PDB file of N, CA and C in Angstrom:
ATOM      1  N   MET A   1      86.798  77.682  83.767  1.00  0.00           N
ATOM      2  CA  MET A   1      86.234  78.929  83.309  1.00  0.00           C
ATOM      3  C   MET A   1      87.375  79.908  83.033  1.00  0.00           C
ATOM      4  N   SER A   2      87.213  80.748  82.044  1.00  0.00           N
ATOM      5  CA  SER A   2      88.284  81.675  81.673  1.00  0.00           C
ATOM      6  C   SER A   2      88.367  82.844  82.653  1.00  0.00           C
ATOM      7  N   LEU A   3      89.535  83.444  82.697  1.00  0.00           N
ATOM      8  CA  LEU A   3      89.776  84.571  83.596  1.00  0.00           C
ATOM      9  C   LEU A   3      88.854  85.738  83.261  1.00  0.00           C
ATOM     10  N   ARG A   4      88.627  85.963  81.996  1.00  0.00           N
ATOM     11  CA  ARG A   4      87.757  87.061  81.562  1.00  0.00           C
ATOM     12  C   ARG A   4      86.332  86.880  82.094  1.00  0.00           C
ATOM     13  N   LYS A   5      85.824  85.653  82.040  1.00  0.00           N
ATOM     14  CA  LYS A   5      84.471  85.394  82.535  1.00  0.00           C
ATOM     15  C   LYS A   5      84.393  85.560  84.051  1.00  0.00           C
ATOM     16  N   ILE A   6      85.439  85.128  84.734  1.00  0.00           N
ATOM     17  CA  ILE A   6      85.461  85.267  86.202  1.00  0.00           C
ATOM     18  C   ILE A   6      85.487  86.747  86.582  1.00  0.00           C
ATOM     19  N   LYS A   7      86.235  87.553  85.836  1.00  0.00           N
ATOM     20  CA  LYS A   7      86.276  88.993  86.102  1.00  0.00           C
ATOM     21  C   LYS A   7      84.910  89.635  85.887  1.00  0.00           C
ATOM     22  N   LYS A   8      84.208  89.209  84.838  1.00  0.00           N
ATOM     23  CA  LYS A   8      82.866  89.728  84.589  1.00  0.00           C
ATOM     24  C   LYS A   8      81.918  89.335  85.713  1.00  0.00           C
ATOM     25  N   LEU A   9      82.040  88.102  86.193  1.00  0.00           N
ATOM     26  CA  LEU A   9      81.214  87.655  87.317  1.00  0.00           C
ATOM     27  C   LEU A   9      81.480  88.501  88.560  1.00  0.00           C
ATOM     28  N   ALA A  10      82.742  88.776  88.813  1.00  0.00           N
ATOM     29  CA  ALA A  10      83.110  89.578  89.979  1.00  0.00           C
ATOM     30  C   ALA A  10      82.531  90.984  89.865  1.00  0.00           C
ATOM     31  N   LEU A  11      82.578  91.566  88.676  1.00  0.00           N
ATOM     32  CA  LEU A  11      82.001  92.905  88.477  1.00  0.00           C
ATOM     33  C   LEU A  11      80.492  92.896  88.675  1.00  0.00           C
ATOM     34  N   LYS A  12      79.844  91.834  88.215  1.00  0.00           N
ATOM     35  CA  LYS A  12      78.385  91.747  88.348  1.00  0.00           C
ATOM     36  C   LYS A  12      77.962  91.440  89.779  1.00  0.00           C
ATOM     37  N   THR A  13      78.888  90.984  90.590  1.00  0.00           N
ATOM     38  CA  THR A  13      78.579  90.713  91.988  1.00  0.00           C
ATOM     39  C   THR A  13      78.336  92.013  92.743  1.00  0.00           C
ATOM     40  N   TYR A  14      78.935  93.109  92.263  1.00  0.00           N
ATOM     41  CA  TYR A  14      78.721  94.415  92.866  1.00  0.00           C
ATOM     42  C   TYR A  14      77.553  95.102  92.181  1.00  0.00           C
ATOM     43  N   SER A  15      76.641  95.631  93.000  1.00  0.00           N
ATOM     44  CA  SER A  15      75.562  96.451  92.458  1.00  0.00           C
ATOM     45  C   SER A  15      75.455  97.703  93.319  1.00  0.00           C
ATOM     46  N   ASP A  16      75.501  98.845  92.687  1.00  0.00           N
ATOM     47  CA  ASP A  16      75.468 100.137  93.386  1.00  0.00           C
ATOM     48  C   ASP A  16      76.578 100.244  94.428  1.00  0.00           C
ATOM     49  N   ASN A  17      77.774  99.848  94.054  1.00  0.00           N
ATOM     50  CA  ASN A  17      78.963  99.916  94.913  1.00  0.00           C
ATOM     51  C   ASN A  17      78.861  99.098  96.192  1.00  0.00           C
ATOM     52  N   THR A  18      77.962  98.140  96.232  1.00  0.00           N
ATOM     53  CA  THR A  18      77.878  97.230  97.380  1.00  0.00           C
ATOM     54  C   THR A  18      77.880  95.794  96.871  1.00  0.00           C
ATOM     55  N   LEU A  19      78.350  94.909  97.713  1.00  0.00           N
ATOM     56  CA  LEU A  19      78.431  93.500  97.365  1.00  0.00           C
ATOM     57  C   LEU A  19      77.050  92.873  97.495  1.00  0.00           C
ATOM     58  N   ASN A  20      76.565  92.252  96.422  1.00  0.00           N
ATOM     59  CA  ASN A  20      75.266  91.598  96.425  1.00  0.00           C
ATOM     60  C   ASN A  20      75.443  90.169  96.947  1.00  0.00           C
ATOM     61  N   LYS A  21      74.951  89.894  98.148  1.00  0.00           N
ATOM     62  CA  LYS A  21      75.179  88.600  98.785  1.00  0.00           C
ATOM     63  C   LYS A  21      74.478  87.447  98.066  1.00  0.00           C
ATOM     64  N   LYS A  22      73.347  87.716  97.464  1.00  0.00           N
ATOM     65  CA  LYS A  22      72.638  86.647  96.736  1.00  0.00           C
ATOM     66  C   LYS A  22      73.472  86.159  95.558  1.00  0.00           C
ATOM     67  N   VAL A  23      74.011  87.106  94.810  1.00  0.00           N
ATOM     68  CA  VAL A  23      74.842  86.756  93.654  1.00  0.00           C
ATOM     69  C   VAL A  23      76.111  86.056  94.134  1.00  0.00           C
ATOM     70  N   LEU A  24      76.689  86.563  95.209  1.00  0.00           N
ATOM     71  CA  LEU A  24      77.900  85.965  95.770  1.00  0.00           C
ATOM     72  C   LEU A  24      77.668  84.512  96.176  1.00  0.00           C
ATOM     73  N   ASP A  25      76.567  84.237  96.865  1.00  0.00           N
ATOM     74  CA  ASP A  25      76.261  82.864  97.276  1.00  0.00           C
ATOM     75  C   ASP A  25      76.047  81.954  96.073  1.00  0.00           C
ATOM     76  N   LEU A  26      75.315  82.446  95.099  1.00  0.00           N
ATOM     77  CA  LEU A  26      75.031  81.644  93.906  1.00  0.00           C
ATOM     78  C   LEU A  26      76.315  81.314  93.142  1.00  0.00           C
ATOM     79  N   VAL A  27      77.151  82.317  92.936  1.00  0.00           N
ATOM     80  CA  VAL A  27      78.389  82.117  92.179  1.00  0.00           C
ATOM     81  C   VAL A  27      79.357  81.219  92.937  1.00  0.00           C
ATOM     82  N   SER A  28      79.479  81.427  94.239  1.00  0.00           N
ATOM     83  CA  SER A  28      80.439  80.635  95.018  1.00  0.00           C
ATOM     84  C   SER A  28      80.065  79.161  95.070  1.00  0.00           C
ATOM     85  N   LYS A  29      78.795  78.850  94.980  1.00  0.00           N
ATOM     86  CA  LYS A  29      78.373  77.438  94.974  1.00  0.00           C
ATOM     87  C   LYS A  29      78.644  76.771  93.627  1.00  0.00           C
ATOM     88  N   LYS A  30      78.643  77.538  92.567  1.00  0.00           N
ATOM     89  CA  LYS A  30      78.787  76.977  91.221  1.00  0.00           C
ATOM     90  C   LYS A  30      80.233  76.838  90.751  1.00  0.00           C
ATOM     91  N   LEU A  31      81.155  77.615  91.336  1.00  0.00           N
ATOM     92  CA  LEU A  31      82.541  77.607  90.856  1.00  0.00           C
ATOM     93  C   LEU A  31      83.352  76.467  91.469  1.00  0.00           C
ATOM     94  N   SER A  32      84.334  76.026  90.704  1.00  0.00           N
ATOM     95  CA  SER A  32      85.280  75.033  91.239  1.00  0.00           C
ATOM     96  C   SER A  32      86.203  75.728  92.229  1.00  0.00           C
ATOM     97  N   ARG A  33      86.960  74.949  92.982  1.00  0.00           N
ATOM     98  CA  ARG A  33      87.846  75.521  94.004  1.00  0.00           C
ATOM     99  C   ARG A  33      88.876  76.471  93.378  1.00  0.00           C
ATOM    100  N   LYS A  34      89.449  76.077  92.268  1.00  0.00           N
ATOM    101  CA  LYS A  34      90.453  76.885  91.582  1.00  0.00           C
ATOM    102  C   LYS A  34      89.840  78.205  91.084  1.00  0.00           C
ATOM    103  N   ASP A  35      88.678  78.101  90.443  1.00  0.00           N
ATOM    104  CA  ASP A  35      88.012  79.300  89.942  1.00  0.00           C
ATOM    105  C   ASP A  35      87.536  80.194  91.086  1.00  0.00           C
ATOM    106  N   LEU A  36      87.156  79.583  92.194  1.00  0.00           N
ATOM    107  CA  LEU A  36      86.704  80.345  93.349  1.00  0.00           C
ATOM    108  C   LEU A  36      87.835  81.191  93.927  1.00  0.00           C
ATOM    109  N   LYS A  37      89.039  80.654  93.944  1.00  0.00           N
ATOM    110  CA  LYS A  37      90.191  81.422  94.418  1.00  0.00           C
ATOM    111  C   LYS A  37      90.427  82.640  93.529  1.00  0.00           C
ATOM    112  N   VAL A  38      90.347  82.449  92.222  1.00  0.00           N
ATOM    113  CA  VAL A  38      90.533  83.554  91.275  1.00  0.00           C
ATOM    114  C   VAL A  38      89.417  84.584  91.466  1.00  0.00           C
ATOM    115  N   TYR A  39      88.194  84.095  91.651  1.00  0.00           N
ATOM    116  CA  TYR A  39      87.027  84.964  91.849  1.00  0.00           C
ATOM    117  C   TYR A  39      87.187  85.817  93.109  1.00  0.00           C
ATOM    118  N   ILE A  40      87.626  85.205  94.204  1.00  0.00           N
ATOM    119  CA  ILE A  40      87.820  85.931  95.461  1.00  0.00           C
ATOM    120  C   ILE A  40      88.921  86.975  95.315  1.00  0.00           C
ATOM    121  N   ASN A  41      90.009  86.617  94.652  1.00  0.00           N
ATOM    122  CA  ASN A  41      91.091  87.583  94.426  1.00  0.00           C
ATOM    123  C   ASN A  41      90.610  88.768  93.587  1.00  0.00           C
ATOM    124  N   GLU A  42      89.773  88.494  92.615  1.00  0.00           N
ATOM    125  CA  GLU A  42      89.230  89.559  91.773  1.00  0.00           C
ATOM    126  C   GLU A  42      88.292  90.460  92.583  1.00  0.00           C
ATOM    127  N   LEU A  43      87.500  89.862  93.470  1.00  0.00           N
ATOM    128  CA  LEU A  43      86.635  90.661  94.345  1.00  0.00           C
ATOM    129  C   LEU A  43      87.464  91.557  95.252  1.00  0.00           C
ATOM    130  N   LYS A  44      88.573  91.035  95.769  1.00  0.00           N
ATOM    131  CA  LYS A  44      89.466  91.830  96.614  1.00  0.00           C
ATOM    132  C   LYS A  44      90.066  92.989  95.826  1.00  0.00           C
ATOM    133  N   ARG A  45      90.444  92.729  94.588  1.00  0.00           N
ATOM    134  CA  ARG A  45      91.024  93.764  93.743  1.00  0.00           C
ATOM    135  C   ARG A  45      89.998  94.865  93.462  1.00  0.00           C
ATOM    136  N   ILE A  46      88.784  94.467  93.138  1.00  0.00           N
ATOM    137  CA  ILE A  46      87.717  95.438  92.873  1.00  0.00           C
ATOM    138  C   ILE A  46      87.431  96.252  94.123  1.00  0.00           C
ATOM    139  N   ASN A  47      87.383  95.573  95.264  1.00  0.00           N
ATOM    140  CA  ASN A  47      87.123  96.261  96.528  1.00  0.00           C
ATOM    141  C   ASN A  47      88.243  97.254  96.851  1.00  0.00           C
ATOM    142  N   GLY A  48      89.472  96.900  96.517  1.00  0.00           N
ATOM    143  CA  GLY A  48      90.605  97.798  96.731  1.00  0.00           C
ATOM    144  C   GLY A  48      90.478  99.081  95.940  1.00  0.00           C
ATOM    145  N   HIS A  49      89.868  99.009  94.772  1.00  0.00           N
ATOM    146  CA  HIS A  49      89.652 100.201  93.948  1.00  0.00           C
ATOM    147  C   HIS A  49      88.548 101.081  94.519  1.00  0.00           C
ATOM    148  N   ARG A  50      87.679 100.524  95.338  1.00  0.00           N
ATOM    149  CA  ARG A  50      86.530 101.255  95.860  1.00  0.00           C
ATOM    150  C   ARG A  50      86.788 101.897  97.222  1.00  0.00           C
ATOM    151  N   ILE A  51      87.928 101.591  97.840  1.00  0.00           N
ATOM    152  CA  ILE A  51      88.222 102.086  99.182  1.00  0.00           C
ATOM    153  C   ILE A  51      89.467 102.970  99.159  1.00  0.00           C
ATOM    154  N   VAL A  52      89.386 104.097  99.828  1.00  0.00           N
ATOM    155  CA  VAL A  52      90.523 104.991 100.011  1.00  0.00           C
ATOM    156  C   VAL A  52      90.842 104.978 101.508  1.00  0.00           C
ATOM    157  N   LYS A  53      92.085 104.651 101.841  1.00  0.00           N
ATOM    158  CA  LYS A  53      92.499 104.603 103.241  1.00  0.00           C
ATOM    159  C   LYS A  53      93.179 105.916 103.609  1.00  0.00           C
ATOM    160  N   VAL A  54      92.717 106.514 104.700  1.00  0.00           N
ATOM    161  CA  VAL A  54      93.271 107.776 105.176  1.00  0.00           C
ATOM    162  C   VAL A  54      93.864 107.522 106.556  1.00  0.00           C
ATOM    163  N   TYR A  55      95.191 107.667 106.653  1.00  0.00           N
ATOM    164  CA  TYR A  55      95.891 107.455 107.914  1.00  0.00           C
ATOM    165  C   TYR A  55      96.133 108.803 108.575  1.00  0.00           C
ATOM    166  N   VAL A  56      95.733 108.929 109.829  1.00  0.00           N
ATOM    167  CA  VAL A  56      95.905 110.160 110.595  1.00  0.00           C
ATOM    168  C   VAL A  56      96.514 109.824 111.949  1.00  0.00           C
ATOM    169  N   PRO A  57      97.272 110.768 112.550  1.00  0.00           N
ATOM    170  CA  PRO A  57      97.853 110.482 113.860  1.00  0.00           C
ATOM    171  C   PRO A  57      96.799 110.422 114.963  1.00  0.00           C
ATOM    172  N   ASP A  58      95.755 111.242 114.832  1.00  0.00           N
ATOM    173  CA  ASP A  58      94.686 111.270 115.819  1.00  0.00           C
ATOM    174  C   ASP A  58      93.387 111.608 115.088  1.00  0.00           C
ATOM    175  N   ARG A  59      92.368 110.837 115.338  1.00  0.00           N
ATOM    176  CA  ARG A  59      91.098 111.005 114.632  1.00  0.00           C
ATOM    177  C   ARG A  59      90.478 112.381 114.891  1.00  0.00           C
ATOM    178  N   ARG A  60      90.834 113.005 115.991  1.00  0.00           N
ATOM    179  CA  ARG A  60      90.243 114.298 116.345  1.00  0.00           C
ATOM    180  C   ARG A  60      90.673 115.418 115.397  1.00  0.00           C
ATOM    181  N   ILE A  61      91.781 115.244 114.677  1.00  0.00           N
ATOM    182  CA  ILE A  61      92.228 116.322 113.775  1.00  0.00           C
ATOM    183  C   ILE A  61      91.379 116.401 112.507  1.00  0.00           C
ATOM    184  N   LEU A  62      90.646 115.324 112.208  1.00  0.00           N
ATOM    185  CA  LEU A  62      89.799 115.339 111.020  1.00  0.00           C
ATOM    186  C   LEU A  62      88.485 116.040 111.329  1.00  0.00           C
ATOM    187  N   THR A  63      88.329 117.222 110.823  1.00  0.00           N
ATOM    188  CA  THR A  63      87.081 117.959 111.008  1.00  0.00           C
ATOM    189  C   THR A  63      86.094 117.529 109.931  1.00  0.00           C
ATOM    190  N   ASP A  64      84.859 117.931 110.107  1.00  0.00           N
ATOM    191  CA  ASP A  64      83.836 117.612 109.104  1.00  0.00           C
ATOM    192  C   ASP A  64      84.185 118.223 107.758  1.00  0.00           C
ATOM    193  N   LYS A  65      84.764 119.420 107.785  1.00  0.00           N
ATOM    194  CA  LYS A  65      85.132 120.106 106.543  1.00  0.00           C
ATOM    195  C   LYS A  65      86.187 119.310 105.770  1.00  0.00           C
ATOM    196  N   ILE A  66      87.185 118.784 106.479  1.00  0.00           N
ATOM    197  CA  ILE A  66      88.235 117.993 105.834  1.00  0.00           C
ATOM    198  C   ILE A  66      87.648 116.699 105.273  1.00  0.00           C
ATOM    199  N   GLU A  67      86.789 116.044 106.045  1.00  0.00           N
ATOM    200  CA  GLU A  67      86.180 114.796 105.565  1.00  0.00           C
ATOM    201  C   GLU A  67      85.303 115.047 104.347  1.00  0.00           C
ATOM    202  N   ARG A  68      84.557 116.150 104.337  1.00  0.00           N
ATOM    203  CA  ARG A  68      83.720 116.467 103.176  1.00  0.00           C
ATOM    204  C   ARG A  68      84.575 116.734 101.941  1.00  0.00           C
ATOM    205  N   SER A  69      85.674 117.466 102.125  1.00  0.00           N
ATOM    206  CA  SER A  69      86.525 117.764 100.972  1.00  0.00           C
ATOM    207  C   SER A  69      87.201 116.492 100.456  1.00  0.00           C
ATOM    208  N   LEU A  70      87.597 115.584 101.357  1.00  0.00           N
ATOM    209  CA  LEU A  70      88.160 114.302 100.912  1.00  0.00           C
ATOM    210  C   LEU A  70      87.107 113.478 100.167  1.00  0.00           C
ATOM    211  N   SER A  71      85.873 113.496 100.671  1.00  0.00           N
ATOM    212  CA  SER A  71      84.790 112.760 100.009  1.00  0.00           C
ATOM    213  C   SER A  71      84.518 113.308  98.614  1.00  0.00           C
ATOM    214  N   LYS A  72      84.589 114.637  98.471  1.00  0.00           N
ATOM    215  CA  LYS A  72      84.394 115.235  97.147  1.00  0.00           C
ATOM    216  C   LYS A  72      85.530 114.861  96.205  1.00  0.00           C
ATOM    217  N   PHE A  73      86.755 114.876  96.743  1.00  0.00           N
ATOM    218  CA  PHE A  73      87.919 114.565  95.924  1.00  0.00           C
ATOM    219  C   PHE A  73      87.903 113.111  95.465  1.00  0.00           C
ATOM    220  N   PHE A  74      87.508 112.205  96.356  1.00  0.00           N
ATOM    221  CA  PHE A  74      87.431 110.782  96.027  1.00  0.00           C
ATOM    222  C   PHE A  74      85.969 110.374  95.911  1.00  0.00           C
ATOM    223  N   GLU A  75      85.308 110.911  94.913  1.00  0.00           N
ATOM    224  CA  GLU A  75      83.892 110.604  94.700  1.00  0.00           C
ATOM    225  C   GLU A  75      83.702 109.116  94.404  1.00  0.00           C
ATOM    226  N   ASN A  76      82.563 108.594  94.799  1.00  0.00           N
ATOM    227  CA  ASN A  76      82.181 107.195  94.566  1.00  0.00           C
ATOM    228  C   ASN A  76      83.134 106.202  95.222  1.00  0.00           C
ATOM    229  N   LYS A  77      83.869 106.646  96.218  1.00  0.00           N
ATOM    230  CA  LYS A  77      84.768 105.748  96.934  1.00  0.00           C
ATOM    231  C   LYS A  77      84.491 105.867  98.425  1.00  0.00           C
ATOM    232  N   GLU A  78      84.691 104.778  99.114  1.00  0.00           N
ATOM    233  CA  GLU A  78      84.480 104.753 100.559  1.00  0.00           C
ATOM    234  C   GLU A  78      85.760 105.190 101.259  1.00  0.00           C
ATOM    235  N   LEU A  79      85.633 106.103 102.214  1.00  0.00           N
ATOM    236  CA  LEU A  79      86.781 106.549 102.990  1.00  0.00           C
ATOM    237  C   LEU A  79      86.914 105.684 104.240  1.00  0.00           C
ATOM    238  N   GLN A  80      88.099 105.175 104.449  1.00  0.00           N
ATOM    239  CA  GLN A  80      88.380 104.367 105.637  1.00  0.00           C
ATOM    240  C   GLN A  80      89.434 105.116 106.452  1.00  0.00           C
ATOM    241  N   ILE A  81      89.037 105.623 107.618  1.00  0.00           N
ATOM    242  CA  ILE A  81      89.928 106.419 108.462  1.00  0.00           C
ATOM    243  C   ILE A  81      90.637 105.486 109.437  1.00  0.00           C
ATOM    244  N   ILE A  82      91.985 105.557 109.451  1.00  0.00           N
ATOM    245  CA  ILE A  82      92.798 104.685 110.294  1.00  0.00           C
ATOM    246  C   ILE A  82      93.744 105.552 111.117  1.00  0.00           C
ATOM    247  N   GLU A  83      93.760 105.323 112.427  1.00  0.00           N
ATOM    248  CA  GLU A  83      94.679 106.061 113.297  1.00  0.00           C
ATOM    249  C   GLU A  83      96.048 105.416 113.276  1.00  0.00           C
ATOM    250  N   GLU A  84      97.073 106.246 113.078  1.00  0.00           N
ATOM    251  CA  GLU A  84      98.460 105.789 113.099  1.00  0.00           C
ATOM    252  C   GLU A  84      99.293 106.845 113.828  1.00  0.00           C
ATOM    253  N   PRO A  85      99.499 106.668 115.141  1.00  0.00           N
ATOM    254  CA  PRO A  85     100.183 107.689 115.949  1.00  0.00           C
ATOM    255  C   PRO A  85     101.613 107.992 115.493  1.00  0.00           C
ATOM    256  N   GLU A  86     102.250 107.114 114.767  1.00  0.00           N
ATOM    257  CA  GLU A  86     103.628 107.335 114.315  1.00  0.00           C
ATOM    258  C   GLU A  86     103.754 108.490 113.327  1.00  0.00           C
ATOM    259  N   LEU A  87     102.651 108.905 112.731  1.00  0.00           N
ATOM    260  CA  LEU A  87     102.695 109.999 111.751  1.00  0.00           C
ATOM    261  C   LEU A  87     103.008 111.348 112.399  1.00  0.00           C
ATOM    262  N   ILE A  88     102.753 111.494 113.664  1.00  0.00           N
ATOM    263  CA  ILE A  88     102.953 112.706 114.459  1.00  0.00           C
ATOM    264  C   ILE A  88     102.111 113.862 113.901  1.00  0.00           C
ATOM    265  N   ALA A  89     102.561 114.562 112.898  1.00  0.00           N
ATOM    266  CA  ALA A  89     101.796 115.675 112.336  1.00  0.00           C
ATOM    267  C   ALA A  89     101.729 115.488 110.831  1.00  0.00           C
ATOM    268  N   GLY A  90     100.725 114.785 110.381  1.00  0.00           N
ATOM    269  CA  GLY A  90     100.632 114.561 108.955  1.00  0.00           C
ATOM    270  C   GLY A  90      99.435 113.731 108.569  1.00  0.00           C
ATOM    271  N   LEU A  91      99.448 113.327 107.319  1.00  0.00           N
ATOM    272  CA  LEU A  91      98.340 112.603 106.737  1.00  0.00           C
ATOM    273  C   LEU A  91      98.876 111.707 105.635  1.00  0.00           C
ATOM    274  N   ARG A  92      98.401 110.479 105.561  1.00  0.00           N
ATOM    275  CA  ARG A  92      98.772 109.575 104.475  1.00  0.00           C
ATOM    276  C   ARG A  92      97.476 109.056 103.857  1.00  0.00           C
ATOM    277  N   ILE A  93      97.383 109.184 102.543  1.00  0.00           N
ATOM    278  CA  ILE A  93      96.189 108.730 101.825  1.00  0.00           C
ATOM    279  C   ILE A  93      96.626 107.684 100.810  1.00  0.00           C
ATOM    280  N   ILE A  94      95.978 106.512 100.867  1.00  0.00           N
ATOM    281  CA  ILE A  94      96.289 105.441  99.919  1.00  0.00           C
ATOM    282  C   ILE A  94      95.045 105.175  99.083  1.00  0.00           C
ATOM    283  N   ASP A  95      95.167 105.449  97.800  1.00  0.00           N
ATOM    284  CA  ASP A  95      94.096 105.230  96.838  1.00  0.00           C
ATOM    285  C   ASP A  95      94.584 104.203  95.837  1.00  0.00           C
ATOM    286  N   ASN A  96      94.181 102.962  96.071  1.00  0.00           N
ATOM    287  CA  ASN A  96      94.625 101.832  95.256  1.00  0.00           C
ATOM    288  C   ASN A  96      96.148 101.744  95.307  1.00  0.00           C
ATOM    289  N   ASP A  97      96.859 102.144  94.267  1.00  0.00           N
ATOM    290  CA  ASP A  97      98.315 102.070  94.242  1.00  0.00           C
ATOM    291  C   ASP A  97      98.987 103.423  94.468  1.00  0.00           C
ATOM    292  N   LEU A  98      98.206 104.476  94.534  1.00  0.00           N
ATOM    293  CA  LEU A  98      98.754 105.817  94.721  1.00  0.00           C
ATOM    294  C   LEU A  98      98.820 106.154  96.204  1.00  0.00           C
ATOM    295  N   ILE A  99      99.971 106.663  96.631  1.00  0.00           N
ATOM    296  CA  ILE A  99     100.151 107.038  98.022  1.00  0.00           C
ATOM    297  C   ILE A  99     100.464 108.528  98.078  1.00  0.00           C
ATOM    298  N   TYR A 100      99.622 109.267  98.809  1.00  0.00           N
ATOM    299  CA  TYR A 100      99.832 110.691  99.035  1.00  0.00           C
ATOM    300  C   TYR A 100     100.275 110.836 100.478  1.00  0.00           C
ATOM    301  N   GLU A 101     101.458 111.393 100.690  1.00  0.00           N
ATOM    302  CA  GLU A 101     101.984 111.525 102.038  1.00  0.00           C
ATOM    303  C   GLU A 101     102.235 112.999 102.325  1.00  0.00           C
ATOM    304  N   LEU A 102     101.544 113.515 103.304  1.00  0.00           N
ATOM    305  CA  LEU A 102     101.682 114.908 103.715  1.00  0.00           C
ATOM    306  C   LEU A 102     102.020 114.907 105.196  1.00  0.00           C
ATOM    307  N   ASN A 103     103.270 115.213 105.511  1.00  0.00           N
ATOM    308  CA  ASN A 103     103.624 115.264 106.926  1.00  0.00           C
ATOM    309  C   ASN A 103     104.661 116.344 107.173  1.00  0.00           C
ATOM    310  N   LEU A 104     104.833 116.661 108.425  1.00  0.00           N
ATOM    311  CA  LEU A 104     105.711 117.752 108.835  1.00  0.00           C
ATOM    312  C   LEU A 104     107.173 117.467 108.497  1.00  0.00           C
ATOM    313  N   ARG A 105     107.597 116.233 108.687  1.00  0.00           N
ATOM    314  CA  ARG A 105     108.995 115.874 108.423  1.00  0.00           C
ATOM    315  C   ARG A 105     109.354 116.095 106.959  1.00  0.00           C
ATOM    316  N   ASP A 106     108.476 115.658 106.045  1.00  0.00           N
ATOM    317  CA  ASP A 106     108.739 115.863 104.615  1.00  0.00           C
ATOM    318  C   ASP A 106     108.792 117.350 104.268  1.00  0.00           C
ATOM    319  N   SER A 107     107.917 118.135 104.906  1.00  0.00           N
ATOM    320  CA  SER A 107     107.929 119.576 104.648  1.00  0.00           C
ATOM    321  C   SER A 107     109.250 120.194 105.067  1.00  0.00           C
ATOM    322  N   PHE A 108     109.736 119.807 106.253  1.00  0.00           N
ATOM    323  CA  PHE A 108     111.032 120.320 106.709  1.00  0.00           C
ATOM    324  C   PHE A 108     112.163 119.859 105.794  1.00  0.00           C
ATOM    325  N   ASP A 109     112.139 118.599 105.391  1.00  0.00           N
ATOM    326  CA  ASP A 109     113.175 118.087 104.492  1.00  0.00           C
ATOM    327  C   ASP A 109     113.180 118.847 103.174  1.00  0.00           C
ATOM    328  N   ASN A 110     111.995 119.131 102.643  1.00  0.00           N
ATOM    329  CA  ASN A 110     111.899 119.883 101.390  1.00  0.00           C
ATOM    330  C   ASN A 110     112.431 121.308 101.549  1.00  0.00           C
ATOM    331  N   MET A 111     112.129 121.938 102.699  1.00  0.00           N
ATOM    332  CA  MET A 111     112.636 123.288 102.949  1.00  0.00           C
ATOM    333  C   MET A 111     114.159 123.285 103.061  1.00  0.00           C
ATOM    334  N   ILE A 112     114.703 122.312 103.742  1.00  0.00           N
ATOM    335  CA  ILE A 112     116.160 122.222 103.900  1.00  0.00           C
ATOM    336  C   ILE A 112     116.826 122.018 102.545  1.00  0.00           C
ATOM    337  N   GLU A 113     116.282 121.146 101.732  1.00  0.00           N
ATOM    338  CA  GLU A 113     116.836 120.922 100.391  1.00  0.00           C
ATOM    339  C   GLU A 113     116.786 122.191  99.555  1.00  0.00           C
ATOM    340  N   TYR A 114     115.665 122.893  99.641  1.00  0.00           N
ATOM    341  CA  TYR A 114     115.527 124.145  98.898  1.00  0.00           C
ATOM    342  C   TYR A 114     116.573 125.163  99.346  1.00  0.00           C
ATOM    343  N   LEU A 115     116.754 125.285 100.657  1.00  0.00           N
ATOM    344  CA  LEU A 115     117.749 126.230 101.182  1.00  0.00           C
ATOM    345  C   LEU A 115     119.162 125.840 100.770  1.00  0.00           C
ATOM    346  N   LYS A 116     119.466 124.562 100.788  1.00  0.00           N
ATOM    347  CA  LYS A 116     120.793 124.093 100.373  1.00  0.00           C
ATOM    348  C   LYS A 116     121.047 124.428  98.912  1.00  0.00           C
ATOM    349  N   GLU A 117     120.042 124.190  98.067  1.00  0.00           N
ATOM    350  CA  GLU A 117     120.195 124.474  96.636  1.00  0.00           C
ATOM    351  C   GLU A 117     120.324 125.976  96.388  1.00  0.00           C
ATOM    352  N   THR A 118     119.621 126.765  97.166  1.00  0.00           N
ATOM    353  CA  THR A 118     119.620 128.212  96.969  1.00  0.00           C
ATOM    354  C   THR A 118     120.958 128.824  97.376  1.00  0.00           C
ATOM    355  N   TYR A 119     121.545 128.379  98.474  1.00  0.00           N
ATOM    356  CA  TYR A 119     122.749 128.993  99.004  1.00  0.00           C
ATOM    357  C   TYR A 119     124.040 128.260  98.659  1.00  0.00           C
ATOM    358  N   ASP A 120     123.982 127.251  97.844  1.00  0.00           N
ATOM    359  CA  ASP A 120     125.225 126.568  97.412  1.00  0.00           C
ATOM    360  C   ASP A 120     125.794 127.170  96.168  1.00  0.00           C
TER     361      ASP A 120
END
């Protein structure tokens, strides 16, 4: 089966941003092993586009207001909150291939660079 057809099958496996298990079972039984590997990789890729990972040092810092604003910003995407204590004071957001990093260390580094440029 061609790659284009497998991609279309993978897209049709999702309905209303959720994986349709009936379609998944039917397709997985009909595909060859090689095509099934391509199909699974395509499903993973599609799923990666639908999930935004938010890394925080402590889950308690995320208030309802922050979560609502993130949900509005990343409409039609599922937010996955992950605790990462190494961040100390900051936030990392991964949306597919885009990485937004907001942390205290970067802010200080930017201020130091600005001061160096200003007074040199």
